Amino acid sequence: MIKKFLKFPDNFFWGTATSAHQIEGDCGVNDWSPNFFIKYKNQLPWCQDALAKIPAVGLACDHYNRYEEDFALLQKINNNTYRLSLEWARIEPVKGVWDKDALEHYRQMLISLKNKNIKIFLTLHHFTNPAWLAAEGGWLNPKAVKYFCRYAKFIAEEFGNLVDFWLTVNEPGSYVFCGYLQGFWVPLQKSWWQGLRVFCHLARAHRRAYRLIHQTVKNKFGKEPLVGFANDVQAYANYVKHRFLDQLHVYLVYKISNHGFYILSGKKSHDFLALNYYFPVRLERRGLLFGQLGNIDEDRRTTETNWLIHPHGIYEVLMDLSVYKKPIYITENGIATNDEDLRERFIHEHLEETYYAIKAGADVRGYFYWSLLDNYEWAEGYRPKFGLIAVDPKTQERQLKKSAFYYTQIIKENGLWLDY
């Protein structure tokens, strides 16, 4: 057996990622809260369905109160970077009114990370909205752009000296697809027209917030911030590789899905590229149309969420997006499984393909495993286990998994061993 060491670039960012609602629990004033569904069930018809369809988050991992414990675990597993989000609803629970206690709480969280020499990737919007905004139509309302930019500017004024990288919105494509096209996320809609409007409003919000964050941080703190958004990307493939129509279809899907938000929000509104990769999408021609086949149709390896495991896909999307000639950060990549050997294999194979992409010219500078903790996974509730750390739902006790120690060794060595 031959062993080869794949060394990553010096100063590579190694981290994990989380989102506020998924680990902090129910704040009571956002549009994923049962309180919201009950209050507006007569005014917003979808809230009635949400009470039955959306699993209650409860305390989640109680990270809001236990963040110091979790940050100590970040250090223990050698993370030099951490991606987290703010809960907008906690900070602005009433329209135009800032909650000073919530603001100070998040400030102390960021200071704690800085004191531990952990770089901060801060996400401003990770799917949840304040209840007052949802009651006004959410992102279907053009005023959502103004409200979000007001919030982004306020946060830049407060935290501009603490944040290393800014992510305006997380996965606009997933947010639209799951909430407005397929209807299994809040607000449970199934309308292409509504989805397109929301996507356009999110793109406009990113573009304006990009400028506001730059102006605010530069004027108040005298430094140039780095601003982007987290893009959900897939590797697309057709079943017949060498037919012109099939190839053209995949090209168009790539452009719309993986490049659409960059194009719509303006290519100059991104200081870096942040991408979230989990699975590929296989397409099959059905007459003149194309459809997506289920990932389990061929009995291939899949995750607990029935996502196809295809490590080479991350290489494909990294090379595809390298055309922008910007630094790239993999801000989410992870697997839902109870099999720790499979999780280790997943991490190894995706990092191996990332290494090859770097060698091929992609300027990849960081990797974040999703997620630090087993947490709430939206419409799936607590069933999928993505975390490197298990959380007992009754006692909130944290337990490092075997894969956490495996990832820690990769970080310590700044690379991984390849056996062949």
Protein backbone atom coordinates (compact mmCIF):
# COMPACT_ATOMS: atom_id res chain seq x y z
CA MET A 1 0.00 0.00 0.00
CA ILE A 2 1.25 3.46 -0.95
CA LYS A 3 0.56 6.43 1.34
CA LYS A 4 0.51 9.97 0.03
CA PHE A 5 -0.08 13.17 1.98
CA LEU A 6 -2.34 15.79 0.44
CA LYS A 7 -1.23 19.10 1.96
CA PHE A 8 -3.62 22.04 1.88
CA PRO A 9 -2.44 25.65 1.44
CA ASP A 10 -0.89 27.43 4.40
CA ASN A 11 -3.36 29.52 6.43
CA PHE A 12 -6.26 27.41 5.18
CA PHE A 13 -9.50 28.00 7.09
CA TRP A 14 -10.83 24.90 8.84
CA GLY A 15 -14.19 25.27 10.50
CA THR A 16 -17.74 24.19 11.13
CA ALA A 17 -21.03 25.93 10.39
CA THR A 18 -24.33 26.47 12.20
CA SER A 19 -27.42 28.68 12.00
CA ALA A 20 -29.15 30.48 14.84
CA HIS A 21 -32.65 28.98 14.70
CA GLN A 22 -31.30 25.46 14.28
CA ILE A 23 -29.18 25.51 17.45
CA GLU A 24 -30.56 28.35 19.57
CA GLY A 25 -34.15 27.11 19.58
CA ASP A 26 -37.49 28.89 19.39
CA CYS A 27 -37.15 32.64 19.97
CA GLY A 28 -40.95 32.96 19.80
CA VAL A 29 -40.98 35.87 17.36
CA ASN A 30 -39.89 34.47 14.00
CA ASP A 31 -41.89 32.86 11.19
CA TRP A 32 -40.85 29.29 12.14
CA SER A 33 -42.28 29.62 15.66
CA PRO A 34 -45.51 27.87 16.70
CA ASN A 35 -46.41 31.18 18.37
CA PHE A 36 -46.49 32.79 14.95
CA PHE A 37 -48.55 30.00 13.40
CA ILE A 38 -51.14 30.23 16.16
CA LYS A 39 -51.33 34.03 16.14
CA TYR A 40 -51.79 34.32 12.37
CA LYS A 41 -53.64 31.10 11.52
CA ASN A 42 -56.81 33.04 10.64
CA GLN A 43 -55.02 35.81 8.71
CA LEU A 44 -52.47 33.66 6.85
CA PRO A 45 -54.07 30.36 5.72
CA TRP A 46 -50.72 28.57 5.41
CA CYS A 47 -50.12 28.99 9.17
CA GLN A 48 -52.90 26.48 9.83
CA ASP A 49 -51.06 23.89 7.71
CA ALA A 50 -47.74 24.81 9.31
CA LEU A 51 -49.03 23.86 12.75
CA ALA A 52 -49.45 20.29 11.47
CA LYS A 53 -46.50 20.07 9.08
CA ILE A 54 -43.62 22.00 10.66
CA PRO A 55 -41.87 20.22 13.57
CA ALA A 56 -41.51 22.41 16.65
CA VAL A 57 -37.90 23.40 17.32
CA GLY A 58 -38.19 23.74 21.09
CA LEU A 59 -34.86 24.43 22.79
CA ALA A 60 -32.84 22.86 19.94
CA CYS A 61 -29.28 22.72 21.34
CA ASP A 62 -29.90 25.65 23.72
CA HIS A 63 -26.83 27.25 22.15
CA TYR A 64 -28.11 30.72 23.04
CA ASN A 65 -27.31 29.92 26.68
CA ARG A 66 -24.52 27.39 26.15
CA TYR A 67 -22.42 29.10 23.52
CA GLU A 68 -19.31 29.24 25.72
CA GLU A 69 -19.44 25.48 26.15
CA ASP A 70 -19.78 25.04 22.39
CA PHE A 71 -16.97 27.48 21.62
CA ALA A 72 -14.71 25.53 23.97
CA LEU A 73 -15.49 22.45 21.88
CA LEU A 74 -14.62 24.43 18.75
CA GLN A 75 -11.17 24.94 20.20
CA LYS A 76 -10.91 21.32 21.25
CA ILE A 77 -11.46 20.14 17.66
CA ASN A 78 -8.92 22.68 16.36
CA ASN A 79 -11.32 24.92 14.39
CA ASN A 80 -9.66 28.19 13.42
CA THR A 81 -12.86 29.52 11.84
CA TYR A 82 -16.55 29.38 12.66
CA ARG A 83 -19.64 30.23 10.65
CA LEU A 84 -22.69 31.36 12.61
CA SER A 85 -25.80 33.40 11.97
CA LEU A 86 -27.76 36.04 13.83
CA GLU A 87 -31.45 35.64 14.54
CA TRP A 88 -32.88 38.81 13.00
CA ALA A 89 -36.12 38.33 14.95
CA ARG A 90 -34.29 38.45 18.28
CA ILE A 91 -32.53 41.67 17.33
CA GLU A 92 -35.60 43.38 15.83
CA PRO A 93 -38.57 41.64 17.48
CA VAL A 94 -40.81 44.63 16.76
CA LYS A 95 -40.58 46.52 13.48
CA GLY A 96 -38.06 49.33 13.83
CA VAL A 97 -37.22 48.50 17.47
CA TRP A 98 -33.83 47.03 18.34
CA ASP A 99 -33.52 44.72 21.33
CA LYS A 100 -30.47 45.91 23.27
CA ASP A 101 -30.20 42.73 25.34
CA ALA A 102 -30.14 40.47 22.27
CA LEU A 103 -27.65 42.77 20.58
CA GLU A 104 -25.34 42.70 23.59
CA HIS A 105 -25.70 38.92 23.83
CA TYR A 106 -24.52 38.45 20.23
CA ARG A 107 -21.73 40.97 20.81
CA GLN A 108 -20.42 38.86 23.68
CA MET A 109 -20.58 35.75 21.48
CA LEU A 110 -18.47 37.42 18.79
CA ILE A 111 -16.00 38.78 21.35
CA SER A 112 -15.66 35.29 22.82
CA LEU A 113 -14.73 33.92 19.39
CA LYS A 114 -12.25 36.74 18.77
CA ASN A 115 -10.61 36.07 22.16
CA LYS A 116 -10.13 32.48 21.09
CA ASN A 117 -8.49 33.57 17.80
CA ILE A 118 -11.32 32.05 15.77
CA LYS A 119 -12.17 33.82 12.51
CA ILE A 120 -15.83 34.73 12.11
CA PHE A 121 -18.07 34.18 9.08
CA LEU A 122 -21.33 35.91 10.02
CA THR A 123 -24.59 35.19 8.20
CA LEU A 124 -27.31 37.86 8.46
CA HIS A 125 -30.23 35.82 7.09
CA HIS A 126 -30.45 32.05 7.41
CA PHE A 127 -34.04 31.31 6.32
CA THR A 128 -35.98 32.73 9.30
CA ASN A 129 -37.70 36.13 9.29
CA PRO A 130 -39.12 38.31 12.06
CA ALA A 131 -42.81 37.60 12.64
CA TRP A 132 -43.74 41.20 11.81
CA LEU A 133 -42.08 40.89 8.38
CA ALA A 134 -43.78 37.55 7.65
CA ALA A 135 -47.13 39.11 8.59
CA GLU A 136 -46.49 41.77 5.92
CA GLY A 137 -45.90 39.13 3.24
CA GLY A 138 -42.26 38.26 3.93
CA TRP A 139 -39.96 38.43 0.92
CA LEU A 140 -42.91 38.72 -1.45
CA ASN A 141 -43.22 42.27 -0.15
CA PRO A 142 -40.80 44.61 -1.99
CA LYS A 143 -40.33 46.50 1.29
CA ALA A 144 -38.48 43.45 2.65
CA VAL A 145 -35.45 44.71 0.74
CA LYS A 146 -35.54 48.02 2.63
CA TYR A 147 -36.13 46.33 5.98
CA PHE A 148 -33.28 43.86 5.46
CA CYS A 149 -30.85 46.59 4.40
CA ARG A 150 -31.75 48.66 7.45
CA TYR A 151 -30.96 45.63 9.59
CA ALA A 152 -27.71 44.90 7.70
CA LYS A 153 -26.52 48.50 8.13
CA PHE A 154 -27.35 48.44 11.83
CA ILE A 155 -25.40 45.21 12.38
CA ALA A 156 -22.44 46.58 10.39
CA GLU A 157 -22.40 49.63 12.66
CA GLU A 158 -22.47 47.46 15.77
CA PHE A 159 -20.23 44.53 14.81
CA GLY A 160 -18.10 45.83 11.94
CA ASN A 161 -14.92 45.59 14.01
CA LEU A 162 -15.59 41.98 15.04
CA VAL A 163 -16.64 40.24 11.82
CA ASP A 164 -14.05 38.85 9.38
CA PHE A 165 -16.41 37.74 6.59
CA TRP A 166 -20.01 38.78 5.94
CA LEU A 167 -22.65 36.54 4.35
CA THR A 168 -25.80 38.50 3.58
CA VAL A 169 -28.16 35.60 2.85
CA ASN A 170 -27.91 31.84 2.99
CA GLU A 171 -28.93 29.66 0.04
CA PRO A 172 -31.46 31.87 -1.75
CA GLY A 173 -32.08 29.03 -4.20
CA SER A 174 -32.99 26.55 -1.46
CA TYR A 175 -35.09 29.15 0.33
CA VAL A 176 -37.15 29.76 -2.82
CA PHE A 177 -37.28 26.10 -3.92
CA CYS A 178 -38.34 24.68 -0.56
CA GLY A 179 -40.58 27.52 0.59
CA TYR A 180 -42.16 28.83 -2.61
CA LEU A 181 -41.88 26.13 -5.29
CA GLN A 182 -42.21 22.82 -3.42
CA GLY A 183 -43.98 24.14 -0.34
CA PHE A 184 -42.49 22.02 2.43
CA TRP A 185 -40.75 24.93 4.19
CA VAL A 186 -42.32 28.09 5.55
CA PRO A 187 -44.37 29.69 4.01
CA LEU A 188 -45.55 26.45 2.33
CA GLN A 189 -46.24 27.95 -1.12
CA LYS A 190 -46.20 26.35 -4.58
CA SER A 191 -45.93 29.15 -7.10
CA TRP A 192 -43.21 29.73 -9.68
CA TRP A 193 -44.27 33.37 -9.96
CA GLN A 194 -43.98 33.95 -6.22
CA GLY A 195 -40.66 32.12 -6.15
CA LEU A 196 -39.24 34.32 -8.91
CA ARG A 197 -40.34 37.49 -7.11
CA VAL A 198 -38.72 36.36 -3.85
CA PHE A 199 -35.50 35.40 -5.65
CA CYS A 200 -35.33 38.84 -7.29
CA HIS A 201 -35.99 40.61 -3.99
CA LEU A 202 -33.24 38.61 -2.28
CA ALA A 203 -30.80 39.49 -5.09
CA ARG A 204 -31.68 43.17 -4.79
CA ALA A 205 -31.28 42.98 -1.01
CA HIS A 206 -27.83 41.42 -1.34
CA ARG A 207 -26.69 44.03 -3.83
CA ARG A 208 -27.78 46.94 -1.63
CA ALA A 209 -26.57 45.35 1.60
CA TYR A 210 -23.18 44.74 -0.01
CA ARG A 211 -22.76 48.46 -0.62
CA LEU A 212 -24.13 49.45 2.80
CA ILE A 213 -21.85 47.09 4.71
CA HIS A 214 -18.83 48.34 2.77
CA GLN A 215 -19.70 52.00 3.35
CA THR A 216 -20.59 51.55 7.00
CA VAL A 217 -17.59 49.46 8.07
CA LYS A 218 -15.14 51.62 6.12
CA ASN A 219 -16.53 54.89 7.48
CA LYS A 220 -16.85 53.78 11.11
CA PHE A 221 -13.98 51.33 11.53
CA GLY A 222 -11.59 52.27 8.74
CA LYS A 223 -11.35 48.85 7.16
CA GLU A 224 -12.65 47.16 4.02
CA PRO A 225 -15.05 44.35 4.85
CA LEU A 226 -15.35 41.15 2.85
CA VAL A 227 -18.93 40.49 1.78
CA GLY A 228 -20.59 37.62 -0.08
CA PHE A 229 -23.51 35.21 0.23
CA ALA A 230 -23.75 31.44 0.72
CA ASN A 231 -24.71 29.78 -2.55
CA ASP A 232 -26.34 26.34 -2.63
CA VAL A 233 -24.76 24.51 -5.57
CA GLN A 234 -25.25 21.11 -7.14
CA ALA A 235 -23.31 19.13 -9.70
CA TYR A 236 -25.71 18.39 -12.56
CA ALA A 237 -25.33 15.46 -14.94
CA ASN A 238 -27.46 13.87 -17.63
CA TYR A 239 -27.70 10.17 -18.30
CA VAL A 240 -26.63 10.44 -21.92
CA LYS A 241 -23.41 12.44 -22.04
CA HIS A 242 -22.92 13.07 -25.72
CA ARG A 243 -26.25 14.24 -27.09
CA PHE A 244 -26.31 17.93 -27.91
CA LEU A 245 -29.78 18.67 -26.49
CA ASP A 246 -28.94 16.89 -23.25
CA GLN A 247 -25.67 18.79 -22.88
CA LEU A 248 -27.37 22.10 -23.64
CA HIS A 249 -30.01 21.40 -21.00
CA VAL A 250 -27.40 20.69 -18.31
CA TYR A 251 -25.53 23.87 -19.27
CA LEU A 252 -28.68 25.96 -18.89
CA VAL A 253 -29.56 24.34 -15.56
CA TYR A 254 -26.02 25.03 -14.31
CA LYS A 255 -26.28 28.68 -15.32
CA ILE A 256 -29.67 29.21 -13.74
CA SER A 257 -29.09 27.23 -10.55
CA ASN A 258 -25.42 27.77 -9.71
CA HIS A 259 -24.78 31.13 -11.38
CA GLY A 260 -28.20 32.78 -11.37
CA PHE A 261 -27.89 34.69 -8.10
CA TYR A 262 -24.38 35.93 -8.96
CA ILE A 263 -25.65 37.29 -12.26
CA LEU A 264 -28.87 38.76 -10.89
CA SER A 265 -27.24 40.46 -7.89
CA GLY A 266 -24.34 41.84 -9.92
CA LYS A 267 -20.94 40.23 -10.33
CA LYS A 268 -19.25 43.20 -8.61
CA SER A 269 -21.24 42.61 -5.41
CA HIS A 270 -19.18 39.64 -4.26
CA ASP A 271 -15.74 39.84 -2.64
CA PHE A 272 -15.49 36.06 -2.45
CA LEU A 273 -17.57 33.00 -3.32
CA ALA A 274 -19.13 30.91 -0.55
CA LEU A 275 -20.66 27.64 -1.65
CA ASN A 276 -22.64 24.91 0.08
CA TYR A 277 -22.39 21.51 -1.57
CA TYR A 278 -24.13 18.31 -0.48
CA PHE A 279 -25.24 16.26 -3.48
CA PRO A 280 -25.48 16.06 -7.29
CA VAL A 281 -28.62 16.10 -9.39
CA ARG A 282 -29.10 13.53 -12.18
CA LEU A 283 -31.34 14.49 -15.06
CA GLU A 284 -33.15 12.26 -17.54
CA ARG A 285 -34.80 13.26 -20.80
CA ARG A 286 -38.53 12.63 -20.93
CA GLY A 287 -39.54 13.45 -24.45
CA LEU A 288 -38.65 17.10 -24.99
CA LEU A 289 -38.55 17.71 -21.25
CA PHE A 290 -36.10 16.71 -18.54
CA GLY A 291 -36.83 15.41 -15.08
CA GLN A 292 -34.82 14.65 -11.97
CA LEU A 293 -34.53 11.00 -11.04
CA GLY A 294 -34.72 9.96 -7.42
CA ASN A 295 -31.33 9.35 -5.88
CA ILE A 296 -32.25 5.86 -4.73
CA ASP A 297 -33.35 4.62 -8.16
CA GLU A 298 -30.01 2.91 -8.84
CA ASP A 299 -29.41 1.68 -5.30
CA ARG A 300 -26.40 4.01 -4.94
CA ARG A 301 -24.92 5.25 -1.67
CA THR A 302 -27.23 7.82 -0.09
CA THR A 303 -27.47 9.72 3.17
CA GLU A 304 -30.22 9.52 5.80
CA THR A 305 -31.92 12.34 3.86
CA ASN A 306 -31.74 10.27 0.63
CA TRP A 307 -29.13 12.56 -0.92
CA LEU A 308 -26.80 10.88 -3.36
CA ILE A 309 -23.17 10.74 -2.16
CA HIS A 310 -21.01 11.98 -5.03
CA PRO A 311 -17.71 13.53 -3.84
CA HIS A 312 -16.48 14.32 -7.37
CA GLY A 313 -19.39 16.77 -7.63
CA ILE A 314 -17.62 19.21 -5.34
CA TYR A 315 -14.67 19.22 -7.73
CA GLU A 316 -17.01 19.97 -10.63
CA VAL A 317 -18.69 22.95 -8.96
CA LEU A 318 -15.39 24.34 -7.66
CA MET A 319 -13.90 24.28 -11.14
CA ASP A 320 -17.09 25.68 -12.64
CA LEU A 321 -17.15 28.65 -10.25
CA SER A 322 -13.40 29.25 -10.44
CA VAL A 323 -14.07 31.22 -13.65
CA TYR A 324 -14.97 34.21 -11.45
CA LYS A 325 -11.33 34.41 -10.31
CA LYS A 326 -12.32 35.03 -6.69
CA PRO A 327 -11.40 33.31 -3.42
CA ILE A 328 -13.71 30.38 -2.68
CA TYR A 329 -14.86 29.10 0.70
CA ILE A 330 -16.84 25.88 1.13
CA THR A 331 -19.20 27.18 3.81
CA GLU A 332 -21.24 23.96 4.14
CA ASN A 333 -20.55 20.32 3.35
CA GLY A 334 -21.83 17.48 5.46
CA ILE A 335 -23.74 14.24 5.73
CA ALA A 336 -26.79 13.06 7.65
CA THR A 337 -25.86 9.66 9.04
CA ASN A 338 -25.57 7.64 12.24
CA ASP A 339 -22.60 5.75 10.77
CA GLU A 340 -19.40 7.45 11.93
CA ASP A 341 -17.20 5.49 9.53
CA LEU A 342 -19.34 6.77 6.67
CA ARG A 343 -19.10 10.34 7.96
CA GLU A 344 -15.32 10.09 8.08
CA ARG A 345 -15.27 8.66 4.57
CA PHE A 346 -17.57 11.47 3.37
CA ILE A 347 -15.27 14.15 4.82
CA HIS A 348 -12.15 12.48 3.43
CA GLU A 349 -13.50 12.00 -0.09
CA HIS A 350 -14.88 15.53 -0.38
CA LEU A 351 -11.65 17.04 0.91
CA GLU A 352 -9.67 14.88 -1.48
CA GLU A 353 -11.69 16.26 -4.40
CA THR A 354 -11.26 19.77 -2.98
CA TYR A 355 -7.51 19.26 -2.95
CA TYR A 356 -7.57 18.23 -6.61
CA ALA A 357 -9.60 21.35 -7.46
CA ILE A 358 -7.01 23.53 -5.72
CA LYS A 359 -4.26 21.84 -7.72
CA ALA A 360 -6.27 22.46 -10.89
CA GLY A 361 -6.42 26.20 -10.17
CA ALA A 362 -9.49 26.81 -7.98
CA ASP A 363 -8.63 29.37 -5.29
CA VAL A 364 -10.20 27.47 -2.39
CA ARG A 365 -9.23 28.96 0.97
CA GLY A 366 -11.50 27.30 3.51
CA TYR A 367 -13.75 24.37 4.37
CA PHE A 368 -16.63 24.29 6.88
CA TYR A 369 -18.23 21.02 7.87
CA TRP A 370 -22.00 21.14 8.47
CA SER A 371 -22.63 20.97 11.28
CA LEU A 372 -20.87 21.49 14.57
CA LEU A 373 -23.85 20.04 16.48
CA ASP A 374 -26.67 17.65 15.80
CA ASN A 375 -29.44 20.19 15.37
CA TYR A 376 -32.91 21.01 14.09
CA GLU A 377 -33.14 20.37 10.34
CA TRP A 378 -36.21 22.37 9.31
CA ALA A 379 -39.03 20.18 7.92
CA GLU A 380 -37.04 17.07 8.93
CA GLY A 381 -36.96 18.02 12.60
CA TYR A 382 -34.28 16.28 14.64
CA ARG A 383 -34.11 13.01 12.71
CA PRO A 384 -31.08 13.76 10.45
CA LYS A 385 -27.78 13.75 12.37
CA PHE A 386 -25.27 16.02 10.64
CA GLY A 387 -23.19 17.01 13.65
CA LEU A 388 -19.65 16.26 14.71
CA ILE A 389 -21.01 16.60 18.23
CA ALA A 390 -24.05 14.70 19.54
CA VAL A 391 -26.50 16.55 21.77
CA ASP A 392 -28.74 14.75 24.26
CA PRO A 393 -32.20 16.38 23.80
CA LYS A 394 -33.12 15.81 27.46
CA THR A 395 -29.94 16.83 29.27
CA GLN A 396 -28.30 18.98 26.54
CA GLU A 397 -25.08 17.07 27.22
CA ARG A 398 -22.55 17.33 24.39
CA GLN A 399 -20.53 14.32 23.21
CA LEU A 400 -17.77 14.46 20.61
CA LYS A 401 -18.26 11.81 17.93
CA LYS A 402 -15.51 9.69 16.41
CA SER A 403 -15.65 11.78 13.24
CA ALA A 404 -14.90 14.92 15.28
CA PHE A 405 -11.52 13.48 16.27
CA TYR A 406 -10.91 12.45 12.67
CA TYR A 407 -11.61 15.99 11.43
CA THR A 408 -9.44 17.38 14.24
CA GLN A 409 -6.46 15.36 12.99
CA ILE A 410 -6.96 16.63 9.43
CA ILE A 411 -6.93 20.21 10.73
CA LYS A 412 -3.87 19.58 12.89
CA GLU A 413 -1.92 18.24 9.93
CA ASN A 414 -3.48 20.73 7.45
CA GLY A 415 -4.11 17.89 5.07
CA LEU A 416 -5.04 14.23 4.77
CA TRP A 417 -3.41 10.93 3.98
CA LEU A 418 -4.37 9.04 0.85
CA ASP A 419 -3.96 5.26 0.74
CA TYR A 420 -3.88 3.51 -2.62
